[in-house]
Amino acid sequence: MIFLGLSGWLGYYFYKKSKTDPVVYKTEKPFTTSITKKTVATGSIIPRREVQIKSQVSGIVEELYAEPGKL
């Protein structure tokens, strides 16, 4: 009698244990938007080569024939 009761109880216990809860997923509704990717960087800019513009003679420079950024 004890064997039948223990077998029944173990069967019920393992049946309840094997039953898993359903997985519930959170869902969202789709929407249209623009994606803007921004980056913030700190630091300094150091030129590879620095050019000094000086007059070879004393006086006033009226016009430069070189454009900035070009050598």
N, C-alpha and C. Protein backbone atom coordinates (compact mmCIF):
# COMPACT_ATOMS: atom_id res chain seq x y z
N MET A 1 0.82 -1.19 0.00
CA MET A 1 0.00 0.00 0.00
C MET A 1 0.87 1.26 0.00
N ILE A 2 1.92 1.25 0.83
CA ILE A 2 2.82 2.40 0.89
C ILE A 2 3.53 2.59 -0.45
N PHE A 3 3.88 1.46 -1.10
CA PHE A 3 4.55 1.52 -2.39
C PHE A 3 3.67 2.19 -3.45
N LEU A 4 2.38 1.88 -3.47
CA LEU A 4 1.44 2.50 -4.43
C LEU A 4 1.28 3.99 -4.15
N GLY A 5 1.17 4.35 -2.89
CA GLY A 5 1.03 5.77 -2.53
C GLY A 5 2.27 6.56 -2.91
N LEU A 6 3.45 5.99 -2.62
CA LEU A 6 4.70 6.67 -2.95
C LEU A 6 4.89 6.77 -4.46
N SER A 7 4.52 5.72 -5.20
CA SER A 7 4.62 5.74 -6.66
C SER A 7 3.69 6.79 -7.25
N GLY A 8 2.47 6.85 -6.73
CA GLY A 8 1.51 7.85 -7.21
C GLY A 8 2.00 9.27 -6.93
N TRP A 9 2.51 9.46 -5.72
CA TRP A 9 3.01 10.79 -5.35
C TRP A 9 4.21 11.19 -6.21
N LEU A 10 5.16 10.27 -6.44
CA LEU A 10 6.33 10.56 -7.27
C LEU A 10 5.92 10.83 -8.72
N GLY A 11 4.95 10.08 -9.23
CA GLY A 11 4.46 10.31 -10.59
C GLY A 11 3.85 11.70 -10.73
N TYR A 12 3.03 12.08 -9.76
CA TYR A 12 2.41 13.41 -9.77
C TYR A 12 3.48 14.49 -9.64
N TYR A 13 4.47 14.27 -8.76
CA TYR A 13 5.53 15.26 -8.54
C TYR A 13 6.34 15.49 -9.81
N PHE A 14 6.75 14.42 -10.49
CA PHE A 14 7.54 14.56 -11.70
C PHE A 14 6.71 15.10 -12.86
N TYR A 15 5.41 14.80 -12.89
CA TYR A 15 4.53 15.37 -13.92
C TYR A 15 4.45 16.88 -13.76
N LYS A 16 4.26 17.39 -12.56
CA LYS A 16 4.17 18.83 -12.31
C LYS A 16 5.52 19.51 -12.57
N LYS A 17 6.63 18.80 -12.24
CA LYS A 17 7.96 19.37 -12.43
C LYS A 17 8.30 19.49 -13.92
N SER A 18 7.83 18.57 -14.74
CA SER A 18 8.15 18.61 -16.17
C SER A 18 7.32 19.65 -16.92
N LYS A 19 6.24 20.09 -16.31
CA LYS A 19 5.40 21.10 -16.93
C LYS A 19 6.09 22.47 -16.77
N THR A 20 6.42 23.11 -17.89
CA THR A 20 7.11 24.40 -17.82
C THR A 20 6.14 25.52 -18.12
N ASP A 21 6.42 26.68 -17.57
CA ASP A 21 5.61 27.86 -17.86
C ASP A 21 5.87 28.32 -19.29
N PRO A 22 4.86 28.85 -19.95
CA PRO A 22 5.07 29.34 -21.33
C PRO A 22 5.97 30.57 -21.32
N VAL A 23 6.77 30.70 -22.38
CA VAL A 23 7.68 31.85 -22.50
C VAL A 23 6.88 33.03 -23.05
N VAL A 24 6.94 34.14 -22.35
CA VAL A 24 6.22 35.35 -22.75
C VAL A 24 7.23 36.34 -23.30
N TYR A 25 7.04 36.78 -24.56
CA TYR A 25 7.94 37.73 -25.19
C TYR A 25 7.28 39.10 -25.24
N LYS A 26 8.08 40.14 -25.03
CA LYS A 26 7.58 41.51 -25.13
C LYS A 26 7.71 41.94 -26.59
N THR A 27 6.64 42.46 -27.15
CA THR A 27 6.67 42.89 -28.55
C THR A 27 6.45 44.39 -28.64
N GLU A 28 6.97 44.98 -29.69
CA GLU A 28 6.82 46.41 -29.95
C GLU A 28 6.24 46.58 -31.35
N LYS A 29 5.54 47.70 -31.55
CA LYS A 29 5.03 48.00 -32.88
C LYS A 29 6.12 48.71 -33.67
N PRO A 30 6.24 48.42 -34.97
CA PRO A 30 7.27 49.08 -35.78
C PRO A 30 6.94 50.56 -36.01
N PHE A 31 8.00 51.36 -36.20
CA PHE A 31 7.82 52.77 -36.50
C PHE A 31 8.95 53.22 -37.41
N THR A 32 8.71 54.30 -38.13
CA THR A 32 9.70 54.85 -39.06
C THR A 32 10.38 56.04 -38.41
N THR A 33 11.69 56.08 -38.51
CA THR A 33 12.46 57.18 -37.93
C THR A 33 13.77 57.35 -38.68
N SER A 34 14.46 58.43 -38.43
CA SER A 34 15.78 58.66 -39.02
C SER A 34 16.83 58.33 -37.97
N ILE A 35 17.88 57.66 -38.41
CA ILE A 35 18.97 57.31 -37.49
C ILE A 35 20.09 58.30 -37.72
N THR A 36 20.47 59.01 -36.67
CA THR A 36 21.57 59.95 -36.73
C THR A 36 22.68 59.45 -35.83
N LYS A 37 23.83 59.20 -36.42
CA LYS A 37 24.95 58.69 -35.65
C LYS A 37 25.91 59.85 -35.40
N LYS A 38 26.13 60.18 -34.13
CA LYS A 38 27.01 61.27 -33.77
C LYS A 38 28.13 60.74 -32.90
N THR A 39 29.30 61.36 -33.04
CA THR A 39 30.45 61.01 -32.23
C THR A 39 31.09 62.28 -31.70
N VAL A 40 31.42 62.28 -30.45
CA VAL A 40 32.10 63.41 -29.84
C VAL A 40 33.53 62.98 -29.55
N ALA A 41 34.49 63.78 -30.03
CA ALA A 41 35.89 63.46 -29.80
C ALA A 41 36.60 64.69 -29.24
N THR A 42 37.48 64.47 -28.31
CA THR A 42 38.25 65.58 -27.75
C THR A 42 39.71 65.39 -28.13
N GLY A 43 40.43 66.47 -28.22
CA GLY A 43 41.85 66.38 -28.55
C GLY A 43 42.29 67.65 -29.24
N SER A 44 43.41 67.57 -29.91
CA SER A 44 43.94 68.73 -30.63
C SER A 44 44.44 68.28 -31.99
N ILE A 45 44.50 69.24 -32.90
CA ILE A 45 44.98 68.99 -34.25
C ILE A 45 46.37 69.57 -34.36
N ILE A 46 47.34 68.74 -34.73
CA ILE A 46 48.73 69.17 -34.87
C ILE A 46 49.12 69.00 -36.34
N PRO A 47 49.57 70.08 -37.00
CA PRO A 47 49.95 69.96 -38.42
C PRO A 47 51.23 69.16 -38.59
N ARG A 48 51.35 68.48 -39.73
CA ARG A 48 52.57 67.73 -40.03
C ARG A 48 53.73 68.68 -40.33
N ARG A 49 53.39 69.77 -41.04
CA ARG A 49 54.42 70.73 -41.40
C ARG A 49 53.84 72.13 -41.25
N GLU A 50 54.59 73.02 -40.66
CA GLU A 50 54.15 74.39 -40.45
C GLU A 50 54.99 75.32 -41.32
N VAL A 51 54.32 76.24 -42.01
CA VAL A 51 55.01 77.16 -42.91
C VAL A 51 54.84 78.58 -42.39
N GLN A 52 55.94 79.30 -42.27
CA GLN A 52 55.91 80.70 -41.85
C GLN A 52 55.94 81.57 -43.12
N ILE A 53 55.04 82.51 -43.22
CA ILE A 53 55.03 83.44 -44.35
C ILE A 53 55.63 84.76 -43.86
N LYS A 54 56.81 85.07 -44.40
CA LYS A 54 57.51 86.29 -44.01
C LYS A 54 57.97 87.02 -45.26
N SER A 55 58.05 88.29 -45.14
CA SER A 55 58.56 89.12 -46.23
C SER A 55 60.08 89.14 -46.15
N GLN A 56 60.76 89.06 -47.33
CA GLN A 56 62.21 89.11 -47.35
C GLN A 56 62.73 90.54 -47.24
N VAL A 57 61.88 91.48 -47.58
CA VAL A 57 62.26 92.90 -47.48
C VAL A 57 61.30 93.58 -46.55
N SER A 58 61.71 94.68 -45.99
CA SER A 58 60.81 95.41 -45.11
C SER A 58 59.79 96.16 -45.95
N GLY A 59 58.61 96.33 -45.41
CA GLY A 59 57.56 97.05 -46.11
C GLY A 59 56.21 96.41 -45.82
N ILE A 60 55.23 96.74 -46.64
CA ILE A 60 53.87 96.25 -46.47
C ILE A 60 53.58 95.25 -47.58
N VAL A 61 53.06 94.08 -47.21
CA VAL A 61 52.68 93.06 -48.19
C VAL A 61 51.30 93.44 -48.70
N GLU A 62 51.22 93.70 -50.00
CA GLU A 62 49.95 94.10 -50.59
C GLU A 62 49.16 92.90 -51.13
N GLU A 63 49.87 91.87 -51.59
CA GLU A 63 49.16 90.73 -52.18
C GLU A 63 50.00 89.46 -52.02
N LEU A 64 49.33 88.33 -51.70
CA LEU A 64 49.98 87.03 -51.61
C LEU A 64 49.54 86.20 -52.81
N TYR A 65 50.48 85.58 -53.50
CA TYR A 65 50.16 84.79 -54.69
C TYR A 65 49.94 83.31 -54.37
N ALA A 66 50.05 82.93 -53.12
CA ALA A 66 49.82 81.56 -52.71
C ALA A 66 48.47 81.48 -52.00
N GLU A 67 47.76 80.41 -52.23
CA GLU A 67 46.46 80.22 -51.58
C GLU A 67 46.67 79.44 -50.29
N PRO A 68 45.88 79.72 -49.27
CA PRO A 68 46.03 78.98 -48.02
C PRO A 68 45.78 77.48 -48.22
N GLY A 69 46.64 76.66 -47.64
CA GLY A 69 46.50 75.21 -47.75
C GLY A 69 47.27 74.61 -48.91
N LYS A 70 47.82 75.43 -49.80
CA LYS A 70 48.58 74.94 -50.96
C LYS A 70 50.03 75.38 -50.81
N LEU A 71 50.95 74.51 -51.23
CA LEU A 71 52.38 74.84 -51.15
C LEU A 71 52.93 75.12 -52.50
